[in-house]
N, C-alpha and C. Protein backbone atom coordinates (compact mmCIF):
# COMPACT_ATOMS: atom_id res chain seq x y z
N UNK A 1 92.68 122.95 109.79
CA UNK A 1 92.28 121.55 109.67
C UNK A 1 90.88 121.38 110.23
N UNK A 2 90.00 120.84 109.42
CA UNK A 2 88.61 120.70 109.85
C UNK A 2 88.39 119.43 110.65
N UNK A 3 89.24 118.44 110.50
CA UNK A 3 89.21 117.24 111.32
C UNK A 3 90.57 117.11 111.96
N UNK A 4 90.69 116.26 112.97
CA UNK A 4 91.98 116.10 113.62
C UNK A 4 92.99 115.56 112.62
N UNK A 5 94.27 115.87 112.81
CA UNK A 5 95.29 115.36 111.88
C UNK A 5 95.26 113.84 111.76
N UNK A 6 94.98 113.16 112.86
CA UNK A 6 94.94 111.70 112.83
C UNK A 6 93.81 111.20 111.93
N UNK A 7 92.61 111.79 112.10
CA UNK A 7 91.47 111.38 111.28
C UNK A 7 91.70 111.76 109.83
N UNK A 8 92.23 112.95 109.60
CA UNK A 8 92.47 113.40 108.22
C UNK A 8 93.43 112.47 107.51
N UNK A 9 94.50 112.08 108.19
CA UNK A 9 95.47 111.16 107.57
C UNK A 9 94.83 109.81 107.29
N UNK A 10 94.03 109.33 108.23
CA UNK A 10 93.36 108.04 108.06
C UNK A 10 92.46 108.06 106.83
N UNK A 11 91.66 109.12 106.69
CA UNK A 11 90.73 109.22 105.56
C UNK A 11 91.48 109.39 104.24
N UNK A 12 92.55 110.17 104.26
CA UNK A 12 93.33 110.34 103.04
C UNK A 12 94.01 109.04 102.63
N UNK A 13 94.48 108.28 103.61
CA UNK A 13 95.12 107.00 103.31
C UNK A 13 94.11 106.00 102.73
N UNK A 14 92.86 106.07 103.21
CA UNK A 14 91.82 105.19 102.68
C UNK A 14 91.54 105.49 101.20
N UNK A 15 91.63 106.76 100.86
CA UNK A 15 91.36 107.19 99.48
C UNK A 15 92.63 107.01 98.65
N UNK A 16 92.95 105.78 98.36
CA UNK A 16 94.20 105.47 97.68
C UNK A 16 94.27 106.14 96.30
N UNK A 17 95.37 106.81 96.04
CA UNK A 17 95.58 107.46 94.75
C UNK A 17 96.60 106.67 93.94
N UNK A 18 96.31 106.46 92.67
CA UNK A 18 97.24 105.73 91.81
C UNK A 18 98.38 106.65 91.38
N UNK A 19 99.27 106.11 90.54
CA UNK A 19 100.45 106.87 90.13
C UNK A 19 100.08 108.14 89.37
N UNK A 20 99.02 108.08 88.58
CA UNK A 20 98.62 109.26 87.80
C UNK A 20 98.13 110.37 88.72
N UNK A 21 97.30 110.03 89.69
CA UNK A 21 96.82 111.03 90.63
C UNK A 21 97.95 111.56 91.50
N UNK A 22 98.85 110.69 91.92
CA UNK A 22 99.98 111.13 92.73
C UNK A 22 100.85 112.11 91.95
N UNK A 23 101.09 111.82 90.68
CA UNK A 23 101.89 112.72 89.84
C UNK A 23 101.18 114.05 89.64
N UNK A 24 99.86 114.02 89.45
CA UNK A 24 99.09 115.26 89.29
C UNK A 24 99.12 116.08 90.57
N UNK A 25 99.07 115.41 91.71
CA UNK A 25 99.14 116.10 93.00
C UNK A 25 100.51 116.76 93.16
N UNK A 26 101.56 116.03 92.80
CA UNK A 26 102.92 116.59 92.88
C UNK A 26 103.06 117.80 91.96
N UNK A 27 102.49 117.70 90.76
CA UNK A 27 102.54 118.82 89.82
C UNK A 27 101.79 120.03 90.37
N UNK A 28 100.67 119.78 91.03
CA UNK A 28 99.90 120.87 91.64
C UNK A 28 100.74 121.64 92.64
N UNK A 29 101.42 120.91 93.50
CA UNK A 29 102.23 121.55 94.53
C UNK A 29 103.39 122.32 93.91
N UNK A 30 103.97 121.78 92.84
CA UNK A 30 105.06 122.49 92.17
C UNK A 30 104.56 123.78 91.53
N UNK A 31 103.32 123.78 91.08
CA UNK A 31 102.73 124.96 90.45
C UNK A 31 102.15 125.94 91.46
N UNK A 32 102.18 125.59 92.74
CA UNK A 32 101.63 126.46 93.77
C UNK A 32 100.13 126.38 93.90
N UNK A 33 99.54 125.27 93.42
CA UNK A 33 98.10 125.06 93.51
C UNK A 33 97.80 124.23 94.74
N UNK A 34 96.70 124.55 95.43
CA UNK A 34 96.27 123.75 96.58
C UNK A 34 95.24 122.74 96.10
N UNK A 35 95.64 121.50 95.81
CA UNK A 35 94.68 120.51 95.33
C UNK A 35 93.77 120.03 96.45
N UNK A 36 92.64 119.47 96.08
CA UNK A 36 91.75 118.88 97.08
C UNK A 36 92.45 117.71 97.76
N UNK A 37 92.08 117.43 99.00
CA UNK A 37 92.63 116.29 99.71
C UNK A 37 92.13 115.00 99.06
N UNK A 38 92.90 113.91 99.18
CA UNK A 38 92.44 112.64 98.62
C UNK A 38 91.06 112.23 99.11
N UNK A 39 90.76 112.48 100.40
CA UNK A 39 89.45 112.12 100.93
C UNK A 39 88.33 112.91 100.27
N UNK A 40 88.60 114.16 99.92
CA UNK A 40 87.62 114.96 99.20
C UNK A 40 87.46 114.42 97.78
N UNK A 41 88.57 114.01 97.19
CA UNK A 41 88.50 113.39 95.87
C UNK A 41 87.61 112.16 95.87
N UNK A 42 87.73 111.36 96.93
CA UNK A 42 86.89 110.17 97.04
C UNK A 42 85.42 110.56 97.13
N UNK A 43 85.12 111.67 97.81
CA UNK A 43 83.74 112.16 97.87
C UNK A 43 83.25 112.58 96.49
N UNK A 44 84.11 113.28 95.75
CA UNK A 44 83.73 113.69 94.40
C UNK A 44 83.40 112.47 93.54
N UNK A 45 84.24 111.45 93.64
CA UNK A 45 84.02 110.24 92.85
C UNK A 45 82.71 109.56 93.25
N UNK A 46 82.42 109.54 94.55
CA UNK A 46 81.18 108.91 95.02
C UNK A 46 79.96 109.67 94.54
N UNK A 47 80.02 111.00 94.58
CA UNK A 47 78.90 111.82 94.11
C UNK A 47 78.70 111.62 92.61
N UNK A 48 79.80 111.60 91.86
CA UNK A 48 79.70 111.39 90.42
C UNK A 48 79.10 110.03 90.10
N UNK A 49 79.50 109.01 90.88
CA UNK A 49 78.96 107.67 90.65
C UNK A 49 77.48 107.59 91.02
N UNK A 50 77.12 108.22 92.14
CA UNK A 50 75.73 108.11 92.62
C UNK A 50 74.75 108.84 91.72
N UNK A 51 75.22 109.90 91.05
CA UNK A 51 74.35 110.64 90.13
C UNK A 51 74.41 110.09 88.71
N UNK A 52 75.26 109.06 88.52
CA UNK A 52 75.47 108.50 87.18
C UNK A 52 75.75 109.62 86.18
N UNK A 53 76.68 110.48 86.57
CA UNK A 53 76.97 111.68 85.79
C UNK A 53 77.48 111.34 84.39
N UNK A 54 76.96 112.06 83.42
CA UNK A 54 77.44 111.93 82.05
C UNK A 54 78.05 113.23 81.54
N UNK A 55 77.70 114.35 82.19
CA UNK A 55 78.24 115.66 81.80
C UNK A 55 78.66 116.40 83.06
N UNK A 56 79.94 116.73 83.16
CA UNK A 56 80.50 117.38 84.34
C UNK A 56 81.20 118.65 83.91
N UNK A 57 80.99 119.72 84.66
CA UNK A 57 81.63 121.00 84.40
C UNK A 57 82.46 121.39 85.61
N UNK A 58 83.67 121.86 85.36
CA UNK A 58 84.59 122.21 86.45
C UNK A 58 85.16 123.59 86.19
N UNK A 59 85.18 124.41 87.23
CA UNK A 59 85.86 125.70 87.17
C UNK A 59 87.08 125.61 88.09
N UNK A 60 88.26 125.62 87.49
CA UNK A 60 89.49 125.43 88.23
C UNK A 60 90.12 124.09 87.89
N UNK A 61 90.70 124.00 86.70
CA UNK A 61 91.29 122.74 86.25
C UNK A 61 92.46 122.32 87.11
N UNK A 62 93.32 123.31 87.46
CA UNK A 62 94.54 122.97 88.17
C UNK A 62 95.38 122.02 87.34
N UNK A 63 96.03 121.08 88.01
CA UNK A 63 96.84 120.08 87.31
C UNK A 63 96.06 118.80 87.06
N UNK A 64 94.75 118.84 87.31
CA UNK A 64 93.90 117.71 86.94
C UNK A 64 93.47 116.79 88.06
N UNK A 65 93.82 117.10 89.31
CA UNK A 65 93.49 116.20 90.42
C UNK A 65 91.98 116.01 90.55
N UNK A 66 91.24 117.11 90.62
CA UNK A 66 89.78 117.01 90.79
C UNK A 66 89.13 116.31 89.60
N UNK A 67 89.59 116.67 88.41
CA UNK A 67 89.02 116.06 87.22
C UNK A 67 89.24 114.56 87.17
N UNK A 68 90.43 114.12 87.57
CA UNK A 68 90.72 112.68 87.60
C UNK A 68 89.80 111.96 88.57
N UNK A 69 89.58 112.55 89.73
CA UNK A 69 88.69 111.92 90.72
C UNK A 69 87.25 111.86 90.20
N UNK A 70 86.78 112.95 89.60
CA UNK A 70 85.41 112.96 89.07
C UNK A 70 85.22 111.89 88.00
N UNK A 71 86.20 111.77 87.11
CA UNK A 71 86.09 110.78 86.04
C UNK A 71 86.34 109.37 86.54
N UNK A 72 87.01 109.24 87.67
CA UNK A 72 87.12 107.92 88.29
C UNK A 72 85.74 107.45 88.73
N UNK A 73 84.94 108.39 89.25
CA UNK A 73 83.59 108.03 89.70
C UNK A 73 82.60 107.86 88.57
N UNK A 74 82.84 108.56 87.47
CA UNK A 74 81.93 108.48 86.31
C UNK A 74 82.78 108.26 85.06
N UNK A 75 83.26 107.05 84.87
CA UNK A 75 84.21 106.78 83.78
C UNK A 75 83.65 107.00 82.38
N UNK A 76 82.34 107.10 82.25
CA UNK A 76 81.75 107.35 80.94
C UNK A 76 81.39 108.80 80.70
N UNK A 77 81.68 109.66 81.69
CA UNK A 77 81.27 111.06 81.60
C UNK A 77 82.21 111.87 80.72
N UNK A 78 81.71 113.01 80.29
CA UNK A 78 82.53 114.01 79.59
C UNK A 78 82.75 115.18 80.54
N UNK A 79 84.01 115.57 80.71
CA UNK A 79 84.39 116.66 81.60
C UNK A 79 84.74 117.90 80.78
N UNK A 80 84.11 119.01 81.12
CA UNK A 80 84.50 120.31 80.57
C UNK A 80 85.11 121.11 81.72
N UNK A 81 86.36 121.54 81.55
CA UNK A 81 87.07 122.18 82.66
C UNK A 81 87.64 123.52 82.22
N UNK A 82 87.43 124.53 83.07
CA UNK A 82 87.80 125.91 82.76
C UNK A 82 88.90 126.37 83.72
N UNK A 83 89.90 127.04 83.17
CA UNK A 83 90.96 127.60 84.02
C UNK A 83 91.59 128.78 83.28
N UNK A 84 92.10 129.74 84.04
CA UNK A 84 92.75 130.89 83.42
C UNK A 84 94.18 130.59 83.02
N UNK A 85 94.76 129.54 83.58
CA UNK A 85 96.19 129.25 83.37
C UNK A 85 96.38 128.12 82.37
N UNK A 86 96.89 128.46 81.20
CA UNK A 86 97.15 127.45 80.16
C UNK A 86 98.19 126.44 80.64
N UNK A 87 99.19 126.90 81.36
CA UNK A 87 100.24 126.01 81.86
C UNK A 87 99.65 124.93 82.76
N UNK A 88 98.73 125.32 83.63
CA UNK A 88 98.08 124.34 84.50
C UNK A 88 97.33 123.31 83.66
N UNK A 89 96.62 123.79 82.66
CA UNK A 89 95.82 122.88 81.84
C UNK A 89 96.69 121.93 81.02
N UNK A 90 97.88 122.36 80.66
CA UNK A 90 98.78 121.46 79.95
C UNK A 90 99.18 120.29 80.84
N UNK A 91 99.41 120.57 82.12
CA UNK A 91 99.70 119.49 83.07
C UNK A 91 98.49 118.57 83.22
N UNK A 92 97.30 119.17 83.29
CA UNK A 92 96.08 118.38 83.43
C UNK A 92 95.87 117.50 82.20
N UNK A 93 96.11 118.06 81.03
CA UNK A 93 95.93 117.29 79.79
C UNK A 93 96.86 116.08 79.77
N UNK A 94 98.09 116.29 80.23
CA UNK A 94 99.04 115.18 80.29
C UNK A 94 98.58 114.12 81.28
N UNK A 95 98.01 114.57 82.42
CA UNK A 95 97.52 113.62 83.42
C UNK A 95 96.35 112.81 82.87
N UNK A 96 95.44 113.47 82.18
CA UNK A 96 94.30 112.76 81.60
C UNK A 96 94.77 111.74 80.57
N UNK A 97 95.77 112.11 79.77
CA UNK A 97 96.30 111.19 78.77
C UNK A 97 96.93 109.97 79.44
N UNK A 98 97.68 110.19 80.52
CA UNK A 98 98.29 109.08 81.24
C UNK A 98 97.24 108.15 81.84
N UNK A 99 96.10 108.72 82.20
CA UNK A 99 95.01 107.93 82.78
C UNK A 99 94.20 107.21 81.71
N UNK A 100 94.54 107.43 80.45
CA UNK A 100 93.82 106.77 79.36
C UNK A 100 92.49 107.40 79.03
N UNK A 101 92.31 108.66 79.42
CA UNK A 101 91.05 109.37 79.15
C UNK A 101 91.12 109.98 77.75
N UNK A 102 90.21 109.62 76.87
CA UNK A 102 90.24 110.18 75.51
C UNK A 102 90.08 111.69 75.52
N UNK A 103 90.71 112.36 74.57
CA UNK A 103 90.63 113.82 74.52
C UNK A 103 89.19 114.29 74.31
N UNK A 104 88.36 113.44 73.74
CA UNK A 104 86.96 113.81 73.51
C UNK A 104 86.16 113.83 74.81
N UNK A 105 86.72 113.27 75.89
CA UNK A 105 86.01 113.24 77.16
C UNK A 105 86.59 114.22 78.17
N UNK A 106 87.57 115.00 77.77
CA UNK A 106 88.15 116.01 78.66
C UNK A 106 88.39 117.28 77.85
N UNK A 107 87.41 118.14 77.85
CA UNK A 107 87.46 119.38 77.08
C UNK A 107 87.96 120.50 77.99
N UNK A 108 89.08 121.11 77.63
CA UNK A 108 89.68 122.15 78.46
C UNK A 108 89.49 123.51 77.79
N UNK A 109 88.98 124.46 78.55
CA UNK A 109 88.74 125.82 78.05
C UNK A 109 89.58 126.78 78.88
N UNK A 110 90.41 127.58 78.21
CA UNK A 110 91.24 128.55 78.90
C UNK A 110 90.50 129.89 78.94
N UNK A 111 90.24 130.37 80.15
CA UNK A 111 89.53 131.63 80.30
C UNK A 111 89.00 131.77 81.72
N UNK A 112 88.38 132.91 82.00
CA UNK A 112 87.78 133.14 83.30
C UNK A 112 86.40 132.51 83.36
N UNK A 113 86.12 131.84 84.46
CA UNK A 113 84.84 131.18 84.60
C UNK A 113 83.67 132.13 84.45
N UNK A 114 83.81 133.33 84.98
CA UNK A 114 82.70 134.28 84.92
C UNK A 114 82.43 134.75 83.50
N UNK A 115 83.41 134.59 82.60
CA UNK A 115 83.20 134.93 81.19
C UNK A 115 82.67 133.74 80.40
N UNK A 116 83.10 132.53 80.79
CA UNK A 116 82.75 131.33 80.03
C UNK A 116 81.38 130.77 80.44
N UNK A 117 81.09 130.74 81.74
CA UNK A 117 79.87 130.09 82.21
C UNK A 117 78.59 130.65 81.59
N UNK A 118 78.46 131.97 81.40
CA UNK A 118 77.21 132.47 80.80
C UNK A 118 76.97 131.96 79.38
N UNK A 119 77.99 131.42 78.74
CA UNK A 119 77.84 130.92 77.37
C UNK A 119 77.52 129.42 77.33
N UNK A 120 77.50 128.77 78.49
CA UNK A 120 77.22 127.33 78.54
C UNK A 120 75.71 127.10 78.53
N UNK A 121 75.31 125.91 78.12
CA UNK A 121 73.89 125.57 78.04
C UNK A 121 73.29 125.34 79.42
N UNK A 122 72.13 125.93 79.67
CA UNK A 122 71.47 125.78 80.97
C UNK A 122 70.94 124.37 81.17
N UNK A 123 70.92 123.95 82.42
CA UNK A 123 70.37 122.64 82.83
C UNK A 123 70.97 121.47 82.05
N UNK A 124 72.27 121.58 81.75
CA UNK A 124 72.91 120.58 80.89
C UNK A 124 73.92 119.70 81.61
N UNK A 125 74.19 119.98 82.89
CA UNK A 125 75.26 119.26 83.58
C UNK A 125 74.73 118.54 84.81
N UNK A 126 75.31 117.39 85.06
CA UNK A 126 74.95 116.62 86.25
C UNK A 126 75.68 117.15 87.48
N UNK A 127 76.90 117.61 87.27
CA UNK A 127 77.72 118.16 88.35
C UNK A 127 78.45 119.39 87.84
N UNK A 128 78.49 120.43 88.66
CA UNK A 128 79.36 121.58 88.41
C UNK A 128 80.23 121.75 89.65
N UNK A 129 81.54 121.63 89.47
CA UNK A 129 82.49 121.78 90.57
C UNK A 129 83.14 123.16 90.48
N UNK A 130 83.10 123.90 91.58
CA UNK A 130 83.72 125.22 91.66
C UNK A 130 84.94 125.14 92.56
N UNK A 131 86.11 125.39 91.99
CA UNK A 131 87.35 125.32 92.77
C UNK A 131 88.30 126.41 92.30
N UNK A 132 87.79 127.65 92.24
CA UNK A 132 88.60 128.77 91.78
C UNK A 132 87.91 130.08 92.11
N UNK A 133 88.72 131.15 92.22
CA UNK A 133 88.21 132.52 92.29
C UNK A 133 87.21 132.71 93.43
N UNK A 134 87.69 132.51 94.67
CA UNK A 134 86.81 132.64 95.84
C UNK A 134 86.20 134.03 95.95
N UNK A 135 86.87 135.03 95.41
CA UNK A 135 86.36 136.40 95.51
C UNK A 135 85.04 136.58 94.77
N UNK A 136 84.78 135.73 93.79
CA UNK A 136 83.54 135.83 93.01
C UNK A 136 82.66 134.60 93.17
N UNK A 137 82.77 133.94 94.33
CA UNK A 137 82.06 132.68 94.54
C UNK A 137 80.55 132.83 94.43
N UNK A 138 79.99 133.90 94.97
CA UNK A 138 78.53 134.07 94.92
C UNK A 138 78.03 134.11 93.48
N UNK A 139 78.76 134.82 92.62
CA UNK A 139 78.38 134.89 91.21
C UNK A 139 78.50 133.52 90.56
N UNK A 140 79.55 132.79 90.90
CA UNK A 140 79.76 131.47 90.31
C UNK A 140 78.66 130.49 90.73
N UNK A 141 78.27 130.53 91.98
CA UNK A 141 77.23 129.61 92.45
C UNK A 141 75.92 129.89 91.72
N UNK A 142 75.58 131.17 91.57
CA UNK A 142 74.34 131.52 90.86
C UNK A 142 74.38 131.01 89.42
N UNK A 143 75.50 131.21 88.75
CA UNK A 143 75.64 130.73 87.38
C UNK A 143 75.58 129.21 87.32
N UNK A 144 76.27 128.57 88.26
CA UNK A 144 76.34 127.11 88.26
C UNK A 144 74.97 126.48 88.48
N UNK A 145 74.16 127.08 89.34
CA UNK A 145 72.83 126.53 89.60
C UNK A 145 71.93 126.59 88.36
N UNK A 146 72.21 127.51 87.47
CA UNK A 146 71.43 127.57 86.24
C UNK A 146 71.91 126.55 85.21
N UNK A 147 73.12 126.05 85.40
CA UNK A 147 73.70 125.11 84.44
C UNK A 147 73.48 123.66 84.83
N UNK A 148 73.29 123.40 86.13
CA UNK A 148 73.11 122.02 86.58
C UNK A 148 71.65 121.60 86.39
N UNK A 149 71.45 120.35 86.08
CA UNK A 149 70.09 119.84 85.87
C UNK A 149 69.36 119.68 87.20
N UNK A 150 68.05 119.52 87.16
CA UNK A 150 67.27 119.21 88.35
C UNK A 150 67.79 117.88 88.93
N UNK A 151 68.09 117.86 90.20
CA UNK A 151 68.65 116.68 90.83
C UNK A 151 70.16 116.61 90.77
N UNK A 152 70.76 117.51 90.00
CA UNK A 152 72.22 117.57 89.92
C UNK A 152 72.80 118.38 91.06
N UNK A 153 74.13 118.41 91.14
CA UNK A 153 74.80 119.05 92.26
C UNK A 153 75.82 120.09 91.82
N UNK A 154 75.81 121.21 92.52
CA UNK A 154 76.90 122.18 92.46
C UNK A 154 77.79 121.89 93.67
N UNK A 155 79.06 121.68 93.43
CA UNK A 155 80.00 121.36 94.49
C UNK A 155 81.01 122.49 94.63
N UNK A 156 81.28 122.90 95.86
CA UNK A 156 82.24 123.97 96.12
C UNK A 156 83.37 123.40 96.96
N UNK A 157 84.56 123.34 96.39
CA UNK A 157 85.72 122.85 97.11
C UNK A 157 86.28 123.93 98.03
N UNK A 158 87.02 123.51 99.05
CA UNK A 158 87.62 124.44 100.02
C UNK A 158 86.55 125.33 100.65
N UNK A 159 85.42 124.72 100.97
CA UNK A 159 84.25 125.48 101.41
C UNK A 159 84.37 126.02 102.83
N UNK A 160 85.36 125.57 103.59
CA UNK A 160 85.54 126.08 104.95
C UNK A 160 86.74 127.02 105.05
N UNK A 161 87.41 127.23 103.94
CA UNK A 161 88.49 128.23 103.86
C UNK A 161 89.50 128.10 104.99
N UNK A 162 90.00 126.91 105.18
CA UNK A 162 91.01 126.71 106.21
C UNK A 162 90.51 126.95 107.62
N UNK A 163 89.22 126.80 107.83
CA UNK A 163 88.63 127.00 109.15
C UNK A 163 88.16 128.42 109.40
N UNK A 164 88.44 129.33 108.48
CA UNK A 164 88.09 130.74 108.71
C UNK A 164 86.58 130.96 108.76
N UNK A 165 85.83 130.17 108.00
CA UNK A 165 84.37 130.35 107.98
C UNK A 165 83.76 130.12 109.35
N UNK A 166 84.32 129.18 110.10
CA UNK A 166 83.78 128.85 111.42
C UNK A 166 84.35 129.71 112.53
N UNK A 167 85.33 130.54 112.23
CA UNK A 167 85.99 131.37 113.24
C UNK A 167 85.35 132.75 113.26
N UNK A 168 84.62 133.11 114.33
CA UNK A 168 83.94 134.41 114.36
C UNK A 168 84.90 135.60 114.32
N UNK A 169 86.17 135.36 114.62
CA UNK A 169 87.14 136.45 114.58
C UNK A 169 87.53 136.82 113.16
N UNK A 170 87.24 135.92 112.21
CA UNK A 170 87.58 136.18 110.81
C UNK A 170 86.46 136.97 110.14
N UNK A 171 86.79 138.13 109.57
CA UNK A 171 85.76 139.01 109.03
C UNK A 171 86.07 139.51 107.62
N UNK A 172 86.92 138.83 106.89
CA UNK A 172 87.23 139.25 105.53
C UNK A 172 86.03 139.13 104.61
N UNK A 173 86.09 139.81 103.46
CA UNK A 173 84.96 139.82 102.53
C UNK A 173 84.63 138.42 102.02
N UNK A 174 85.65 137.64 101.66
CA UNK A 174 85.39 136.30 101.13
C UNK A 174 84.73 135.42 102.16
N UNK A 175 85.19 135.51 103.41
CA UNK A 175 84.60 134.72 104.49
C UNK A 175 83.16 135.15 104.73
N UNK A 176 82.94 136.46 104.77
CA UNK A 176 81.58 136.98 105.00
C UNK A 176 80.64 136.55 103.88
N UNK A 177 81.12 136.59 102.65
CA UNK A 177 80.28 136.18 101.52
C UNK A 177 79.91 134.71 101.61
N UNK A 178 80.87 133.87 101.98
CA UNK A 178 80.58 132.44 102.07
C UNK A 178 79.62 132.14 103.21
N UNK A 179 79.79 132.82 104.34
CA UNK A 179 78.84 132.64 105.45
C UNK A 179 77.43 133.03 105.02
N UNK A 180 77.32 134.16 104.32
CA UNK A 180 76.01 134.62 103.86
C UNK A 180 75.41 133.62 102.88
N UNK A 181 76.24 133.07 102.01
CA UNK A 181 75.77 132.08 101.05
C UNK A 181 75.25 130.84 101.76
N UNK A 182 76.00 130.33 102.72
CA UNK A 182 75.59 129.13 103.45
C UNK A 182 74.27 129.36 104.19
N UNK A 183 74.12 130.55 104.77
CA UNK A 183 72.90 130.87 105.49
C UNK A 183 71.71 130.95 104.54
N UNK A 184 71.92 131.58 103.39
CA UNK A 184 70.84 131.71 102.41
C UNK A 184 70.43 130.35 101.85
N UNK A 185 71.41 129.51 101.54
CA UNK A 185 71.12 128.20 100.97
C UNK A 185 70.37 127.32 101.96
N UNK A 186 70.69 127.48 103.25
CA UNK A 186 70.07 126.63 104.28
C UNK A 186 68.57 126.84 104.38
N UNK A 187 68.09 128.01 103.97
CA UNK A 187 66.65 128.32 104.08
C UNK A 187 65.95 128.34 102.72
N UNK A 188 66.67 127.97 101.66
CA UNK A 188 66.11 128.02 100.32
C UNK A 188 65.27 126.78 100.02
N UNK A 189 64.13 126.99 99.36
CA UNK A 189 63.29 125.88 98.92
C UNK A 189 63.73 125.33 97.56
N UNK A 190 64.72 125.99 96.95
CA UNK A 190 65.15 125.59 95.61
C UNK A 190 66.27 124.57 95.63
N UNK A 191 66.91 124.41 96.80
CA UNK A 191 68.07 123.52 96.88
C UNK A 191 68.07 122.78 98.21
N UNK A 192 68.88 121.73 98.27
CA UNK A 192 69.24 121.07 99.52
C UNK A 192 70.75 121.10 99.61
N UNK A 193 71.26 121.42 100.79
CA UNK A 193 72.70 121.58 100.92
C UNK A 193 73.26 120.80 102.10
N UNK A 194 74.55 120.50 102.00
CA UNK A 194 75.28 119.89 103.10
C UNK A 194 76.75 120.29 102.95
N UNK A 195 77.42 120.45 104.08
CA UNK A 195 78.85 120.77 104.07
C UNK A 195 79.59 119.64 104.76
N UNK A 196 80.51 119.03 104.04
CA UNK A 196 81.37 118.01 104.62
C UNK A 196 82.63 118.68 105.16
N UNK A 197 83.07 118.32 106.38
CA UNK A 197 84.27 118.93 106.94
C UNK A 197 85.56 118.25 106.52
N UNK A 198 85.48 117.23 105.69
CA UNK A 198 86.67 116.50 105.26
C UNK A 198 87.58 117.42 104.46
N UNK A 199 88.88 117.27 104.66
CA UNK A 199 89.83 118.14 103.96
C UNK A 199 89.60 119.58 104.36
N UNK A 200 89.44 120.45 103.38
CA UNK A 200 89.14 121.86 103.66
C UNK A 200 87.67 122.16 103.44
N UNK A 201 86.85 121.10 103.45
CA UNK A 201 85.41 121.28 103.32
C UNK A 201 84.92 121.13 101.90
N UNK A 202 83.77 120.50 101.75
CA UNK A 202 83.12 120.37 100.45
C UNK A 202 81.64 120.68 100.62
N UNK A 203 81.18 121.73 99.95
CA UNK A 203 79.78 122.12 99.97
C UNK A 203 79.08 121.46 98.79
N UNK A 204 77.98 120.76 99.07
CA UNK A 204 77.16 120.17 98.01
C UNK A 204 75.81 120.87 97.99
N UNK A 205 75.43 121.37 96.82
CA UNK A 205 74.15 122.06 96.63
C UNK A 205 73.37 121.27 95.58
N UNK A 206 72.28 120.66 95.98
CA UNK A 206 71.47 119.87 95.06
C UNK A 206 70.30 120.72 94.57
N UNK A 207 70.17 120.84 93.26
CA UNK A 207 69.08 121.63 92.69
C UNK A 207 67.78 120.82 92.71
N UNK A 208 66.73 121.42 93.28
CA UNK A 208 65.43 120.76 93.39
C UNK A 208 64.48 121.24 92.29
N UNK A 209 63.48 120.43 91.97
CA UNK A 209 62.47 120.90 91.00
C UNK A 209 61.66 122.04 91.59
N UNK A 210 61.15 122.89 90.73
CA UNK A 210 60.31 123.98 91.19
C UNK A 210 59.00 123.43 91.75
N UNK A 211 58.47 124.05 92.81
CA UNK A 211 57.20 123.57 93.38
C UNK A 211 56.09 123.57 92.34
N UNK A 212 55.23 122.57 92.41
CA UNK A 212 54.12 122.47 91.44
C UNK A 212 53.12 123.59 91.68
């Protein structure tokens, strides 16, 4: 837990979820998926609203929790979401339908992100959310930064890995890779970054214009 249980519960309670989101969250848990916390969902919606997002790309559809929050913040946006599990995407599709989201605004692609992302158009998305395949996160971030527009954001869910990133005793490859990524991003002139400790952490990477 990145915040105290009391604070976490307070923030999650503030981020009220409707029946559709609650059902998608329940479906996630039944499928063994760890959905983002409601408070993180509220952050996603706020970022989507502040960027006036019209094109959003997501890696890790799950049962649709993240996608619902993103489209809550940008109700006119089109979401393209990638996942390896067709069963998960069927649950997400049902959730989007219950929320009244037209099928033309929620495009689901079944496949591995590392195979699909190189085929997407560069600089075409306002937001790219990464919520899958932590073992290949560095590759995903590099690909995502080429797909997001100048001023757009790459978002990484579960960015603190259950507190392991901040624990010096944790030395696994995934933890080491994420620490190295955070350190590299902090000194990069190409991006601005911030990590929110809400839920399991949300990393925001804003792509900057190239120096004149």
